[in-house]
Amino acid sequence: MKLLGIEDARLRKEWISASEGNRFAQTVRDFTDVIQKLGRNPLVKRETAA
């Protein structure tokens, strides 16, 4: 990730069983919060005003 210029926090791996729906939902909410705090993906080209 670092070689690509992406923060390590933008990748998360979790093992969650199919029977753990609540845990899955909470994990997604938590990770979404982390990504929103990090801001825009550094690899996305910024659009310029025309």
PDB file of N, CA and C in Angstrom:
ATOM      1  N   MET A   1       0.823  -1.181   0.000  1.00  0.00           N
ATOM      2  CA  MET A   1       0.000   0.000   0.000  1.00  0.00           C
ATOM      3  C   MET A   1       0.872   1.252   0.000  1.00  0.00           C
ATOM      4  N   LYS A   2       1.901   1.234   0.813  1.00  0.00           N
ATOM      5  CA  LYS A   2       2.762   2.419   0.894  1.00  0.00           C
ATOM      6  C   LYS A   2       3.447   2.703  -0.438  1.00  0.00           C
ATOM      7  N   LEU A   3       3.841   1.658  -1.155  1.00  0.00           N
ATOM      8  CA  LEU A   3       4.478   1.849  -2.453  1.00  0.00           C
ATOM      9  C   LEU A   3       3.540   2.513  -3.450  1.00  0.00           C
ATOM     10  N   LEU A   4       2.248   2.297  -3.268  1.00  0.00           N
ATOM     11  CA  LEU A   4       1.254   2.900  -4.146  1.00  0.00           C
ATOM     12  C   LEU A   4       0.854   4.300  -3.692  1.00  0.00           C
ATOM     13  N   GLY A   5       1.315   4.694  -2.507  1.00  0.00           N
ATOM     14  CA  GLY A   5       0.964   5.999  -1.971  1.00  0.00           C
ATOM     15  C   GLY A   5      -0.383   6.020  -1.273  1.00  0.00           C
ATOM     16  N   ILE A   6      -0.781   4.866  -0.758  1.00  0.00           N
ATOM     17  CA  ILE A   6      -2.068   4.740  -0.079  1.00  0.00           C
ATOM     18  C   ILE A   6      -1.818   4.442   1.394  1.00  0.00           C
ATOM     19  N   GLU A   7      -2.546   5.139   2.270  1.00  0.00           N
ATOM     20  CA  GLU A   7      -2.401   4.906   3.699  1.00  0.00           C
ATOM     21  C   GLU A   7      -2.826   3.475   4.048  1.00  0.00           C
ATOM     22  N   ASP A   8      -2.118   2.864   4.990  1.00  0.00           N
ATOM     23  CA  ASP A   8      -2.469   1.512   5.429  1.00  0.00           C
ATOM     24  C   ASP A   8      -3.892   1.430   5.968  1.00  0.00           C
ATOM     25  N   ALA A   9      -4.389   2.527   6.520  1.00  0.00           N
ATOM     26  CA  ALA A   9      -5.728   2.539   7.112  1.00  0.00           C
ATOM     27  C   ALA A   9      -6.833   2.372   6.071  1.00  0.00           C
ATOM     28  N   ARG A  10      -6.511   2.515   4.782  1.00  0.00           N
ATOM     29  CA  ARG A  10      -7.522   2.367   3.740  1.00  0.00           C
ATOM     30  C   ARG A  10      -7.799   0.906   3.389  1.00  0.00           C
ATOM     31  N   LEU A  11      -7.093   0.004   3.997  1.00  0.00           N
ATOM     32  CA  LEU A  11      -7.317  -1.424   3.776  1.00  0.00           C
ATOM     33  C   LEU A  11      -7.593  -2.076   5.119  1.00  0.00           C
ATOM     34  N   ARG A  12      -8.642  -2.856   5.171  1.00  0.00           N
ATOM     35  CA  ARG A  12      -8.987  -3.556   6.412  1.00  0.00           C
ATOM     36  C   ARG A  12      -9.458  -4.953   6.063  1.00  0.00           C
ATOM     37  N   LYS A  13      -8.938  -5.936   6.769  1.00  0.00           N
ATOM     38  CA  LYS A  13      -9.350  -7.324   6.576  1.00  0.00           C
ATOM     39  C   LYS A  13      -9.947  -7.831   7.884  1.00  0.00           C
ATOM     40  N   GLU A  14     -11.092  -8.434   7.787  1.00  0.00           N
ATOM     41  CA  GLU A  14     -11.782  -8.989   8.950  1.00  0.00           C
ATOM     42  C   GLU A  14     -12.344 -10.350   8.566  1.00  0.00           C
ATOM     43  N   TRP A  15     -12.329 -11.274   9.494  1.00  0.00           N
ATOM     44  CA  TRP A  15     -13.007 -12.544   9.283  1.00  0.00           C
ATOM     45  C   TRP A  15     -14.308 -12.475  10.066  1.00  0.00           C
ATOM     46  N   ILE A  16     -15.418 -12.522   9.340  1.00  0.00           N
ATOM     47  CA  ILE A  16     -16.729 -12.447   9.962  1.00  0.00           C
ATOM     48  C   ILE A  16     -17.579 -13.565   9.380  1.00  0.00           C
ATOM     49  N   SER A  17     -18.140 -14.358  10.246  1.00  0.00           N
ATOM     50  CA  SER A  17     -18.990 -15.466   9.835  1.00  0.00           C
ATOM     51  C   SER A  17     -20.298 -14.945   9.254  1.00  0.00           C
ATOM     52  N   ALA A  18     -20.906 -15.731   8.385  1.00  0.00           N
ATOM     53  CA  ALA A  18     -22.191 -15.363   7.792  1.00  0.00           C
ATOM     54  C   ALA A  18     -23.274 -15.204   8.855  1.00  0.00           C
ATOM     55  N   SER A  19     -23.077 -15.812  10.004  1.00  0.00           N
ATOM     56  CA  SER A  19     -24.085 -15.717  11.075  1.00  0.00           C
ATOM     57  C   SER A  19     -23.897 -14.475  11.949  1.00  0.00           C
ATOM     58  N   GLU A  20     -22.900 -13.648  11.635  1.00  0.00           N
ATOM     59  CA  GLU A  20     -22.599 -12.468  12.450  1.00  0.00           C
ATOM     60  C   GLU A  20     -23.009 -11.177  11.731  1.00  0.00           C
ATOM     61  N   GLY A  21     -24.282 -11.077  11.409  1.00  0.00           N
ATOM     62  CA  GLY A  21     -24.774  -9.920  10.663  1.00  0.00           C
ATOM     63  C   GLY A  21     -24.553  -8.602  11.385  1.00  0.00           C
ATOM     64  N   ASN A  22     -24.813  -8.585  12.684  1.00  0.00           N
ATOM     65  CA  ASN A  22     -24.629  -7.351  13.455  1.00  0.00           C
ATOM     66  C   ASN A  22     -23.169  -6.928  13.493  1.00  0.00           C
ATOM     67  N   ARG A  23     -22.287  -7.896  13.653  1.00  0.00           N
ATOM     68  CA  ARG A  23     -20.853  -7.588  13.670  1.00  0.00           C
ATOM     69  C   ARG A  23     -20.404  -7.048  12.313  1.00  0.00           C
ATOM     70  N   PHE A  24     -20.909  -7.653  11.241  1.00  0.00           N
ATOM     71  CA  PHE A  24     -20.572  -7.183   9.899  1.00  0.00           C
ATOM     72  C   PHE A  24     -21.009  -5.725   9.717  1.00  0.00           C
ATOM     73  N   ALA A  25     -22.249  -5.434  10.091  1.00  0.00           N
ATOM     74  CA  ALA A  25     -22.773  -4.078   9.936  1.00  0.00           C
ATOM     75  C   ALA A  25     -21.953  -3.073  10.735  1.00  0.00           C
ATOM     76  N   GLN A  26     -21.591  -3.410  11.953  1.00  0.00           N
ATOM     77  CA  GLN A  26     -20.796  -2.502  12.780  1.00  0.00           C
ATOM     78  C   GLN A  26     -19.401  -2.305  12.202  1.00  0.00           C
ATOM     79  N   THR A  27     -18.817  -3.367  11.688  1.00  0.00           N
ATOM     80  CA  THR A  27     -17.485  -3.281  11.079  1.00  0.00           C
ATOM     81  C   THR A  27     -17.511  -2.342   9.875  1.00  0.00           C
ATOM     82  N   VAL A  28     -18.537  -2.465   9.056  1.00  0.00           N
ATOM     83  CA  VAL A  28     -18.665  -1.589   7.881  1.00  0.00           C
ATOM     84  C   VAL A  28     -18.855  -0.138   8.319  1.00  0.00           C
ATOM     85  N   ARG A  29     -19.690   0.103   9.326  1.00  0.00           N
ATOM     86  CA  ARG A  29     -19.885   1.475   9.827  1.00  0.00           C
ATOM     87  C   ARG A  29     -18.574   2.057  10.353  1.00  0.00           C
ATOM     88  N   ASP A  30     -17.852   1.263  11.135  1.00  0.00           N
ATOM     89  CA  ASP A  30     -16.577   1.731  11.694  1.00  0.00           C
ATOM     90  C   ASP A  30     -15.574   2.055  10.592  1.00  0.00           C
ATOM     91  N   PHE A  31     -15.471   1.175   9.606  1.00  0.00           N
ATOM     92  CA  PHE A  31     -14.514   1.384   8.527  1.00  0.00           C
ATOM     93  C   PHE A  31     -14.914   2.590   7.677  1.00  0.00           C
ATOM     94  N   THR A  32     -16.200   2.774   7.464  1.00  0.00           N
ATOM     95  CA  THR A  32     -16.681   3.944   6.723  1.00  0.00           C
ATOM     96  C   THR A  32     -16.277   5.226   7.430  1.00  0.00           C
ATOM     97  N   ASP A  33     -16.398   5.247   8.749  1.00  0.00           N
ATOM     98  CA  ASP A  33     -15.977   6.420   9.524  1.00  0.00           C
ATOM     99  C   ASP A  33     -14.489   6.701   9.333  1.00  0.00           C
ATOM    100  N   VAL A  34     -13.676   5.653   9.361  1.00  0.00           N
ATOM    101  CA  VAL A  34     -12.225   5.813   9.178  1.00  0.00           C
ATOM    102  C   VAL A  34     -11.930   6.396   7.798  1.00  0.00           C
ATOM    103  N   ILE A  35     -12.556   5.853   6.771  1.00  0.00           N
ATOM    104  CA  ILE A  35     -12.314   6.312   5.399  1.00  0.00           C
ATOM    105  C   ILE A  35     -12.757   7.762   5.236  1.00  0.00           C
ATOM    106  N   GLN A  36     -13.898   8.123   5.801  1.00  0.00           N
ATOM    107  CA  GLN A  36     -14.367   9.502   5.700  1.00  0.00           C
ATOM    108  C   GLN A  36     -13.400  10.465   6.381  1.00  0.00           C
ATOM    109  N   LYS A  37     -12.824  10.069   7.495  1.00  0.00           N
ATOM    110  CA  LYS A  37     -11.862  10.923   8.193  1.00  0.00           C
ATOM    111  C   LYS A  37     -10.565  11.075   7.404  1.00  0.00           C
ATOM    112  N   LEU A  38     -10.187  10.034   6.661  1.00  0.00           N
ATOM    113  CA  LEU A  38      -8.973  10.106   5.850  1.00  0.00           C
ATOM    114  C   LEU A  38      -9.141  11.044   4.664  1.00  0.00           C
ATOM    115  N   GLY A  39     -10.358  11.171   4.192  1.00  0.00           N
ATOM    116  CA  GLY A  39     -10.615  12.064   3.068  1.00  0.00           C
ATOM    117  C   GLY A  39     -10.441  11.380   1.728  1.00  0.00           C
ATOM    118  N   ARG A  40     -10.309  12.194   0.740  1.00  0.00           N
ATOM    119  CA  ARG A  40     -10.247  11.735  -0.647  1.00  0.00           C
ATOM    120  C   ARG A  40      -9.077  10.780  -0.892  1.00  0.00           C
ATOM    121  N   ASN A  41      -9.312   9.797  -1.729  1.00  0.00           N
ATOM    122  CA  ASN A  41      -8.289   8.839  -2.121  1.00  0.00           C
ATOM    123  C   ASN A  41      -7.171   9.587  -2.853  1.00  0.00           C
ATOM    124  N   PRO A  42      -5.928   9.437  -2.417  1.00  0.00           N
ATOM    125  CA  PRO A  42      -4.836  10.191  -3.046  1.00  0.00           C
ATOM    126  C   PRO A  42      -4.556   9.777  -4.494  1.00  0.00           C
ATOM    127  N   LEU A  43      -5.060   8.647  -4.924  1.00  0.00           N
ATOM    128  CA  LEU A  43      -4.819   8.199  -6.293  1.00  0.00           C
ATOM    129  C   LEU A  43      -5.855   8.714  -7.287  1.00  0.00           C
ATOM    130  N   VAL A  44      -6.943   9.256  -6.788  1.00  0.00           N
ATOM    131  CA  VAL A  44      -7.991   9.783  -7.664  1.00  0.00           C
ATOM    132  C   VAL A  44      -7.547  11.137  -8.188  1.00  0.00           C
ATOM    133  N   LYS A  45      -7.586  11.277  -9.490  1.00  0.00           N
ATOM    134  CA  LYS A  45      -7.220  12.559 -10.087  1.00  0.00           C
ATOM    135  C   LYS A  45      -8.298  13.574  -9.788  1.00  0.00           C
ATOM    136  N   ARG A  46      -7.881  14.715  -9.327  1.00  0.00           N
ATOM    137  CA  ARG A  46      -8.829  15.772  -9.020  1.00  0.00           C
ATOM    138  C   ARG A  46      -9.315  16.411 -10.317  1.00  0.00           C
ATOM    139  N   GLU A  47     -10.619  16.638 -10.364  1.00  0.00           N
ATOM    140  CA  GLU A  47     -11.200  17.278 -11.545  1.00  0.00           C
ATOM    141  C   GLU A  47     -10.868  18.758 -11.516  1.00  0.00           C
ATOM    142  N   THR A  48     -10.596  19.316 -12.662  1.00  0.00           N
ATOM    143  CA  THR A  48     -10.320  20.737 -12.763  1.00  0.00           C
ATOM    144  C   THR A  48     -11.532  21.440 -13.332  1.00  0.00           C
ATOM    145  N   ALA A  49     -11.711  22.666 -12.936  1.00  0.00           N
ATOM    146  CA  ALA A  49     -12.842  23.448 -13.449  1.00  0.00           C
ATOM    147  C   ALA A  49     -12.613  23.762 -14.910  1.00  0.00           C
ATOM    148  N   ALA A  50     -13.660  23.633 -15.692  1.00  0.00           N
ATOM    149  CA  ALA A  50     -13.539  23.877 -17.141  1.00  0.00           C
ATOM    150  C   ALA A  50     -13.762  25.324 -17.481  1.00  0.00           C
TER     151      ALA A  50
END
